[in-house]
Amino acid sequence: MDNPLDSSMAEEIKEALENNDQALAASRIQKYLEKVNNIPLNIAITGESGSGKSSFVNAFRGIDNKDDRAAPTGCVETTMEVKDYHHPNYPNVTIWDLPGIGTTNFPADKYLRHVGFEKFDFFVIISDTRFRENDVKLAMEIRKMGKKFYFVRSKIDNDLQAEKRSRRDFNEETTLAQIRENCIQGLQKQGVESPQVFLLSSFDLHLHDFPLLHETLEKELPAHKRDVLLLAMPNISLEIIKKKREAFRGQITFYSFLSAAGAVVPVPGFSVALDAGLMVTVVKKYRDGFGLDNESLQRLSDSTGVPLKDLMAVIKSPLALQNISSGLILRMLTQCAAITALMTAEEGFRLIPILGAVVSAGLSFLVTQKGLNIFLDMLAEDAQRVFKKALGLDTSV
C-alpha cells in the first residue's frame, strides 16, 4: 500500500462524516493518525572498517559521538555485530550499524542474509577513501535483492584540510570535484553503471552532499515513508525546516476533525478542555520534530560548540521554553481575539439542542485548526532562528 490512508479508510471517514456519525469518523481518523505516526523506517549503514559508519549513525540521529547513547566510534572496527540505534525523538526510525563486510567471513550474498537484509528500507555504503571490491560486491547483491543502496564518501572535512595544508592553489570546489570523479571512475571500473556518490562530513551535515542525499532518498522512498524520513532528519537546512512545517500542516485537518467530534458532548467546558489536551499532544510533536526540546538543543550545542544559552536566547515562543500544558495552550489561545470569539460562541451553541451540537462542532474544528496553524508557525520560525544561530548567521526570520 503506497499510502496508509488507503481508499477504503478514506471512504469510511467520508461516509461517517456524511452520516453525521462523529464518533465513527473520530475512530477512523485516530486509527489513521496512529498508523502514520508509527510507520517503521529501517536504515542500514555499512562499509569497511574505520570508514566512519558509526559517526554517520550518530550524526543522522543528532547525537554527539561522546553521548552515552552514541554508537561507539574509533579508528578500528568497533562494530562486530548488527546493532540497532533508535532515533531519540522517533522510535519508529532505526539506524542499523552493520559490521564491515571485510570483518566477516561471509561473501556478499551470505553477509546480507546474516544481517537480515529484508528488514531494511535502504542501505548506505560508506567509504573514507575509495570504494573497494567488497563494497561493489555488496552493492550488486543489494540490487539483486531488490533494495536501494547509496554510496557515501565520508570524512570529506579531513580531505579538504589535508589538501589545504599541502597546496598553495587550494580550491575547495576543485578538490571536491576530483574526489567525486575518482570515486565514480573507481566504481565504473568495477562494473557499477552510472554510480552516484555523495560526499559528506558527519561533523558538518549541512555542508556538501547531505542535502542532496536527502532529496534523493525522498524521491526514491515509497510515498508513505517520505515524511517519516523527513521528520527524523536533523535540521541541516532551512529547506528541511520548511518541509517539516508543511508535513505537520498536512495533518492539522485530521486533528481538527477529532476536536469537532468531541464538541457534540453537551457538557460546558468539555470541548475546550478536550481541544487543549489534544493540542498539547500535537504541539509537543512539533517541538520535538523541529529539535526544540531541551535534549535536542543540548545535543545541538554540544555538536556545534554554540552555548546552549545562546541558542535558547533566539527562541521567542514560550512553547519551546516552557512545559507544554493545557493551561499554557489555553493562555496562548486566548491571546488571539478571533480564537477567543470562536471559543465563546462554541460554548454558547453547545447548550442549544440538536442544531447547537452541529454548530459547536464546526466552531471547535476552527479553533483547533487556527490554533495549531499559529503554534506550528511559531515553532517553525524558532527552528529557523536556532538553525541560523548554530551556524553563526543572521537570526532574523
Protein backbone atom coordinates (compact mmCIF):
# COMPACT_ATOMS: atom_id res chain seq x y z
CA MET A 1 0.00 0.00 0.00
CA ASP A 2 1.55 3.31 -1.07
CA ASN A 3 -0.32 5.40 1.50
CA PRO A 4 -1.61 4.36 4.95
CA LEU A 5 -4.77 6.34 4.25
CA ASP A 6 -5.92 3.86 1.60
CA SER A 7 -9.11 4.25 -0.38
CA SER A 8 -11.21 2.08 1.93
CA MET A 9 -10.23 4.09 5.03
CA ALA A 10 -10.84 7.36 3.21
CA GLU A 11 -14.28 6.18 2.17
CA GLU A 12 -15.10 5.10 5.73
CA ILE A 13 -14.19 8.55 7.09
CA LYS A 14 -16.15 10.30 4.35
CA GLU A 15 -19.22 8.13 4.88
CA ALA A 16 -19.15 8.63 8.66
CA LEU A 17 -18.96 12.40 8.27
CA GLU A 18 -21.78 12.44 5.70
CA ASN A 19 -23.95 10.42 8.11
CA ASN A 20 -23.04 12.79 10.96
CA ASP A 21 -21.54 9.84 12.83
CA GLN A 22 -18.85 11.85 14.61
CA ALA A 23 -17.76 9.00 16.85
CA LEU A 24 -17.09 6.65 13.95
CA ALA A 25 -15.29 9.36 11.98
CA ALA A 26 -13.11 10.17 15.00
CA SER A 27 -12.30 6.49 15.46
CA ARG A 28 -11.23 6.14 11.83
CA ILE A 29 -9.15 9.33 11.94
CA GLN A 30 -7.47 8.23 15.16
CA LYS A 31 -6.62 4.90 13.53
CA TYR A 32 -5.12 6.71 10.55
CA LEU A 33 -3.02 9.07 12.70
CA GLU A 34 -1.70 6.21 14.83
CA LYS A 35 -0.73 4.34 11.68
CA VAL A 36 1.00 7.34 10.10
CA ASN A 37 2.92 8.18 13.27
CA ASN A 38 4.22 4.64 13.71
CA ILE A 39 5.36 3.73 10.20
CA PRO A 40 8.73 1.98 10.63
CA LEU A 41 11.83 3.13 8.77
CA ASN A 42 14.95 0.96 8.92
CA ILE A 43 18.21 2.32 7.52
CA ALA A 44 21.29 0.11 7.16
CA ILE A 45 24.75 1.68 7.36
CA THR A 46 27.68 -0.44 6.22
CA GLY A 47 31.21 -0.17 4.87
CA GLU A 48 34.72 -1.31 5.65
CA SER A 49 36.47 -0.93 8.99
CA GLY A 50 37.09 2.64 10.15
CA SER A 51 35.12 4.22 7.30
CA GLY A 52 33.01 6.41 9.59
CA LYS A 53 29.85 4.30 9.79
CA SER A 54 29.23 4.91 13.47
CA SER A 55 29.86 8.66 13.19
CA PHE A 56 27.27 8.80 10.42
CA VAL A 57 24.78 6.86 12.59
CA ASN A 58 25.28 9.37 15.38
CA ALA A 59 25.13 12.44 13.14
CA PHE A 60 21.91 11.30 11.49
CA ARG A 61 20.34 10.95 14.93
CA GLY A 62 21.63 14.37 16.01
CA ILE A 63 23.81 12.79 18.68
CA ASP A 64 27.41 13.73 19.50
CA ASN A 65 29.96 10.88 19.39
CA LYS A 66 30.58 11.41 23.14
CA ASP A 67 26.90 10.97 24.05
CA ASP A 68 26.07 7.95 26.21
CA ARG A 69 23.61 6.76 23.54
CA ALA A 70 26.08 7.16 20.68
CA ALA A 71 27.30 4.32 18.51
CA PRO A 72 30.94 3.69 19.55
CA THR A 73 33.48 5.18 17.16
CA GLY A 74 37.17 4.55 16.60
CA CYS A 75 39.91 4.20 14.04
CA VAL A 76 39.49 0.40 14.06
CA GLU A 77 36.33 -1.64 13.53
CA THR A 78 34.11 -1.13 16.57
CA THR A 79 31.01 -2.80 15.10
CA MET A 80 31.28 -6.59 15.14
CA GLU A 81 27.56 -7.40 15.31
CA VAL A 82 24.44 -5.83 13.87
CA LYS A 83 23.45 -3.05 16.27
CA ASP A 84 20.25 -1.01 16.18
CA TYR A 85 20.07 2.64 17.24
CA HIS A 86 16.68 4.28 17.57
CA HIS A 87 16.14 7.92 16.77
CA PRO A 88 15.89 9.85 20.08
CA ASN A 89 12.56 11.52 19.11
CA TYR A 90 11.18 8.95 16.67
CA PRO A 91 11.49 5.39 17.99
CA ASN A 92 9.90 4.06 14.79
CA VAL A 93 13.06 5.17 12.94
CA THR A 94 16.00 2.82 13.42
CA ILE A 95 19.52 3.23 12.05
CA TRP A 96 21.39 -0.08 11.93
CA ASP A 97 25.16 -0.07 12.29
CA LEU A 98 26.33 -3.16 10.39
CA PRO A 99 29.75 -4.79 10.71
CA GLY A 100 32.05 -4.02 7.79
CA ILE A 101 31.80 -6.76 5.19
CA GLY A 102 35.59 -7.08 5.36
CA THR A 103 35.35 -8.08 9.04
CA THR A 104 33.12 -11.09 8.40
CA ASN A 105 33.77 -14.49 6.92
CA PHE A 106 30.70 -14.25 4.71
CA PRO A 107 30.65 -13.47 0.97
CA ALA A 108 28.37 -10.58 -0.01
CA ASP A 109 25.20 -12.63 -0.57
CA LYS A 110 25.54 -14.55 2.71
CA TYR A 111 26.53 -11.34 4.51
CA LEU A 112 23.18 -9.80 3.58
CA ARG A 113 21.30 -12.83 4.86
CA HIS A 114 23.43 -12.76 8.01
CA VAL A 115 22.46 -9.16 8.80
CA GLY A 116 18.78 -9.69 7.88
CA PHE A 117 18.63 -7.56 4.73
CA GLU A 118 14.87 -7.93 4.26
CA LYS A 119 14.02 -5.58 7.13
CA PHE A 120 15.99 -2.63 5.75
CA ASP A 121 14.37 0.06 3.61
CA PHE A 122 17.70 1.03 2.03
CA PHE A 123 21.47 0.71 2.52
CA VAL A 124 24.13 3.41 2.84
CA ILE A 125 27.58 2.10 1.83
CA ILE A 126 30.30 4.28 3.35
CA SER A 127 33.98 4.64 2.48
CA ASP A 128 36.50 7.20 3.66
CA THR A 129 38.87 6.64 0.72
CA ARG A 130 37.87 4.73 -2.40
CA PHE A 131 35.18 2.11 -2.77
CA ARG A 132 36.70 -1.34 -2.84
CA GLU A 133 35.79 -4.72 -4.23
CA ASN A 134 33.78 -5.70 -1.15
CA ASP A 135 31.71 -2.51 -1.39
CA VAL A 136 30.89 -3.21 -5.03
CA LYS A 137 30.04 -6.87 -4.42
CA LEU A 138 27.73 -5.82 -1.62
CA ALA A 139 26.05 -3.21 -3.83
CA MET A 140 25.46 -5.75 -6.58
CA GLU A 141 23.87 -8.21 -4.17
CA ILE A 142 21.68 -5.48 -2.67
CA ARG A 143 20.46 -4.64 -6.18
CA LYS A 144 19.76 -8.30 -6.94
CA MET A 145 17.59 -8.47 -3.84
CA GLY A 146 15.51 -5.51 -4.93
CA LYS A 147 16.79 -2.95 -2.43
CA LYS A 148 18.23 0.54 -2.88
CA PHE A 149 21.80 1.47 -1.95
CA TYR A 150 23.68 4.78 -1.81
CA PHE A 151 27.45 5.34 -1.92
CA VAL A 152 28.67 7.87 0.64
CA ARG A 153 32.25 9.13 0.64
CA SER A 154 32.86 10.16 4.25
CA LYS A 155 35.36 12.31 6.15
CA ILE A 156 35.46 14.95 3.44
CA ASP A 157 36.48 17.52 6.06
CA ASN A 158 39.76 15.61 6.60
CA ASP A 159 40.48 15.57 2.86
CA LEU A 160 39.85 19.28 2.50
CA GLN A 161 42.07 20.13 5.47
CA ALA A 162 44.90 17.96 4.16
CA GLU A 163 44.64 19.43 0.66
CA LYS A 164 44.56 22.97 2.03
CA ARG A 165 47.75 22.39 4.01
CA SER A 166 49.62 20.86 1.08
CA ARG A 167 48.62 23.10 -1.85
CA ARG A 168 49.15 26.82 -2.41
CA ASP A 169 46.47 26.90 -5.12
CA PHE A 170 43.88 25.10 -2.99
CA ASN A 171 40.34 25.36 -4.29
CA GLU A 172 37.60 23.61 -2.36
CA GLU A 173 35.23 23.09 -5.30
CA THR A 174 38.02 21.68 -7.46
CA THR A 175 39.11 19.31 -4.69
CA LEU A 176 35.56 18.06 -4.12
CA ALA A 177 35.06 17.53 -7.87
CA GLN A 178 38.29 15.50 -8.06
CA ILE A 179 37.31 13.31 -5.11
CA ARG A 180 33.86 12.70 -6.61
CA GLU A 181 35.26 11.87 -10.04
CA ASN A 182 37.87 9.48 -8.59
CA CYS A 183 35.15 7.61 -6.69
CA ILE A 184 32.87 7.42 -9.73
CA GLN A 185 35.66 6.20 -12.02
CA GLY A 186 36.71 3.58 -9.49
CA LEU A 187 33.17 2.24 -9.23
CA GLN A 188 32.72 2.23 -13.01
CA LYS A 189 35.93 0.22 -13.46
CA GLN A 190 34.47 -2.35 -11.10
CA GLY A 191 31.27 -2.64 -13.10
CA VAL A 192 28.89 -0.20 -11.41
CA GLU A 193 26.83 1.63 -14.04
CA SER A 194 26.18 5.38 -13.61
CA PRO A 195 27.15 5.47 -9.92
CA GLN A 196 26.14 8.43 -7.78
CA VAL A 197 28.47 9.28 -4.90
CA PHE A 198 27.54 11.61 -2.05
CA LEU A 199 30.38 13.50 -0.34
CA LEU A 200 29.85 14.45 3.28
CA SER A 201 31.30 15.10 6.70
CA SER A 202 29.43 13.65 9.66
CA PHE A 203 30.57 16.67 11.69
CA ASP A 204 29.06 19.17 9.23
CA LEU A 205 25.97 17.59 7.70
CA HIS A 206 24.72 20.94 6.41
CA LEU A 207 27.71 21.10 4.06
CA HIS A 208 28.50 19.21 0.86
CA ASP A 209 26.08 16.49 -0.36
CA PHE A 210 23.95 15.54 2.63
CA PRO A 211 21.03 17.75 1.47
CA LEU A 212 21.31 16.09 -1.96
CA LEU A 213 21.31 12.66 -0.33
CA HIS A 214 18.09 13.54 1.49
CA GLU A 215 16.48 14.78 -1.74
CA THR A 216 17.43 11.54 -3.48
CA LEU A 217 16.06 9.39 -0.66
CA GLU A 218 12.88 11.48 -0.63
CA LYS A 219 12.32 10.78 -4.32
CA GLU A 220 13.07 7.07 -4.14
CA LEU A 221 11.36 6.04 -0.90
CA PRO A 222 7.75 4.80 -1.05
CA ALA A 223 5.33 7.71 -0.60
CA HIS A 224 4.20 6.71 2.90
CA LYS A 225 7.79 6.65 4.23
CA ARG A 226 8.93 10.05 2.96
CA ASP A 227 7.55 12.10 5.83
CA VAL A 228 8.93 9.54 8.30
CA LEU A 229 12.43 10.20 6.95
CA LEU A 230 11.83 13.95 6.77
CA LEU A 231 10.71 14.37 10.38
CA ALA A 232 13.64 12.29 11.66
CA MET A 233 16.17 14.32 9.69
CA PRO A 234 18.38 16.76 11.60
CA ASN A 235 17.73 20.39 10.67
CA ILE A 236 20.54 20.66 8.12
CA SER A 237 18.93 23.45 6.09
CA LEU A 238 16.13 25.99 6.12
CA GLU A 239 14.52 23.94 3.34
CA ILE A 240 14.28 20.90 5.64
CA ILE A 241 12.58 23.03 8.30
CA LYS A 242 10.15 24.34 5.67
CA LYS A 243 9.32 20.82 4.51
CA LYS A 244 8.77 19.67 8.10
CA ARG A 245 6.35 22.53 8.65
CA GLU A 246 4.32 21.54 5.59
CA ALA A 247 4.33 17.86 6.60
CA PHE A 248 2.96 18.79 10.03
CA ARG A 249 0.44 21.15 8.46
CA GLY A 250 -0.89 18.32 6.33
CA GLN A 251 -2.23 16.56 9.45
CA ILE A 252 -3.96 19.56 11.06
CA THR A 253 -7.29 18.83 9.33
CA PHE A 254 -7.39 15.37 10.87
CA TYR A 255 -6.70 16.66 14.38
CA SER A 256 -9.35 19.33 13.85
CA PHE A 257 -11.92 16.64 12.98
CA LEU A 258 -11.05 14.85 16.23
CA SER A 259 -11.70 18.08 18.07
CA ALA A 260 -15.04 18.55 16.30
CA ALA A 261 -16.13 15.06 17.32
CA GLY A 262 -15.68 15.93 20.99
CA ALA A 263 -17.69 19.13 20.64
CA VAL A 264 -21.00 17.26 20.33
CA VAL A 265 -20.90 16.36 24.05
CA PRO A 266 -23.29 18.87 25.71
CA VAL A 267 -21.16 19.47 28.81
CA PRO A 268 -19.96 23.06 29.46
CA GLY A 269 -16.18 23.35 29.15
CA PHE A 270 -15.73 19.76 27.92
CA SER A 271 -14.79 20.66 24.34
CA VAL A 272 -12.40 23.42 25.42
CA ALA A 273 -10.59 21.01 27.73
CA LEU A 274 -10.53 18.35 25.00
CA ASP A 275 -9.18 20.83 22.42
CA ALA A 276 -6.44 21.97 24.78
CA GLY A 277 -5.42 18.40 25.67
CA LEU A 278 -5.33 17.42 22.01
CA MET A 279 -3.24 20.45 21.13
CA VAL A 280 -0.76 19.70 23.92
CA THR A 281 -0.04 16.32 22.30
CA VAL A 282 0.27 17.75 18.80
CA VAL A 283 2.37 20.78 19.76
CA LYS A 284 4.83 18.51 21.58
CA LYS A 285 5.25 16.65 18.28
CA TYR A 286 6.01 19.96 16.57
CA ARG A 287 8.53 20.97 19.23
CA ASP A 288 10.35 17.62 19.09
CA GLY A 289 10.20 17.43 15.29
CA PHE A 290 11.88 20.83 14.99
CA GLY A 291 14.53 19.85 17.57
CA LEU A 292 13.43 22.49 20.10
CA ASP A 293 13.11 20.21 23.12
CA ASN A 294 15.77 20.62 25.80
CA GLU A 295 17.65 17.44 24.91
CA SER A 296 17.83 18.29 21.20
CA LEU A 297 19.01 21.82 21.92
CA GLN A 298 21.69 20.48 24.25
CA ARG A 299 22.83 17.99 21.59
CA LEU A 300 22.98 20.81 19.04
CA SER A 301 25.02 22.91 21.47
CA ASP A 302 27.42 20.01 22.07
CA SER A 303 27.91 19.32 18.36
CA THR A 304 28.30 22.95 17.21
CA GLY A 305 30.06 24.46 20.21
CA VAL A 306 27.44 27.23 20.44
CA PRO A 307 26.47 27.70 24.12
CA LEU A 308 23.00 26.41 24.98
CA LYS A 309 22.00 29.78 26.44
CA ASP A 310 22.81 31.45 23.11
CA LEU A 311 20.61 29.01 21.21
CA MET A 312 17.77 29.49 23.68
CA ALA A 313 18.13 33.28 23.52
CA VAL A 314 16.82 33.40 19.93
CA ILE A 315 13.69 31.38 20.74
CA LYS A 316 10.62 33.60 21.01
CA SER A 317 7.75 31.19 21.56
CA PRO A 318 7.04 30.01 25.13
CA LEU A 319 6.05 26.66 23.58
CA ALA A 320 9.73 25.79 23.18
CA LEU A 321 10.96 27.08 26.54
CA GLN A 322 8.15 26.13 28.93
CA ASN A 323 6.40 22.91 29.83
CA ILE A 324 3.62 22.46 27.28
CA SER A 325 0.42 22.09 29.32
CA SER A 326 -3.29 22.64 28.78
CA GLY A 327 -3.01 25.84 30.82
CA LEU A 328 -0.26 27.23 28.58
CA ILE A 329 -2.20 26.30 25.43
CA LEU A 330 -5.37 27.98 26.69
CA ARG A 331 -3.50 31.13 27.71
CA MET A 332 -1.96 31.39 24.26
CA LEU A 333 -5.27 30.70 22.51
CA THR A 334 -7.00 33.48 24.41
CA GLN A 335 -4.31 35.94 23.26
CA CYS A 336 -5.85 35.67 19.79
CA ALA A 337 -9.12 37.64 19.63
CA ALA A 338 -10.54 35.61 16.74
CA ILE A 339 -9.97 32.31 18.54
CA THR A 340 -11.40 33.67 21.80
CA ALA A 341 -14.58 34.69 19.94
CA LEU A 342 -14.88 31.22 18.40
CA MET A 343 -14.41 29.51 21.78
CA THR A 344 -17.04 31.74 23.40
CA ALA A 345 -19.52 31.09 20.60
CA GLU A 346 -18.85 27.36 20.77
CA GLU A 347 -19.73 27.20 24.47
CA GLY A 348 -22.92 29.17 23.83
CA PHE A 349 -24.15 26.98 20.96
CA ARG A 350 -23.39 23.80 22.91
CA LEU A 351 -26.47 24.34 25.10
CA ILE A 352 -28.86 24.56 22.13
CA PRO A 353 -30.42 21.13 21.42
CA ILE A 354 -29.53 19.33 18.17
CA LEU A 355 -28.55 22.31 15.99
CA GLY A 356 -26.24 23.63 18.69
CA ALA A 357 -24.17 20.45 18.63
CA VAL A 358 -23.62 20.72 14.88
CA VAL A 359 -22.62 24.39 15.06
CA SER A 360 -20.36 23.90 18.08
CA ALA A 361 -18.60 21.02 16.29
CA GLY A 362 -17.81 23.33 13.40
CA LEU A 363 -16.56 26.03 15.74
CA SER A 364 -14.40 23.52 17.63
CA PHE A 365 -12.90 22.45 14.30
CA LEU A 366 -11.97 26.06 13.53
CA VAL A 367 -10.48 26.69 16.99
CA THR A 368 -8.18 23.67 16.69
CA GLN A 369 -7.31 24.40 13.07
CA LYS A 370 -6.43 28.04 13.70
CA GLY A 371 -4.62 27.31 16.96
CA LEU A 372 -2.45 24.53 15.55
CA ASN A 373 -1.53 26.61 12.50
CA ILE A 374 -0.45 29.50 14.73
CA PHE A 375 1.57 27.26 17.05
CA LEU A 376 3.17 25.43 14.12
CA ASP A 377 4.32 28.68 12.53
CA MET A 378 5.71 29.93 15.86
CA LEU A 379 7.84 26.83 16.37
CA ALA A 380 8.96 26.65 12.73
CA GLU A 381 10.22 30.23 12.95
CA ASP A 382 12.02 29.40 16.21
CA ALA A 383 13.64 26.42 14.50
CA GLN A 384 14.87 28.69 11.71
CA ARG A 385 16.39 31.13 14.20
CA VAL A 386 18.09 28.32 16.15
CA PHE A 387 19.48 26.83 12.93
CA LYS A 388 20.89 30.20 11.88
CA LYS A 389 22.36 30.85 15.33
CA ALA A 390 24.08 27.45 15.31
CA LEU A 391 25.74 28.39 12.02
CA GLY A 392 26.54 31.96 13.04
CA LEU A 393 24.06 33.51 10.59
CA ASP A 394 21.63 36.41 10.94
CA THR A 395 18.80 35.10 13.16
CA SER A 396 16.04 37.41 11.92
CA VAL A 397 13.29 35.37 10.21
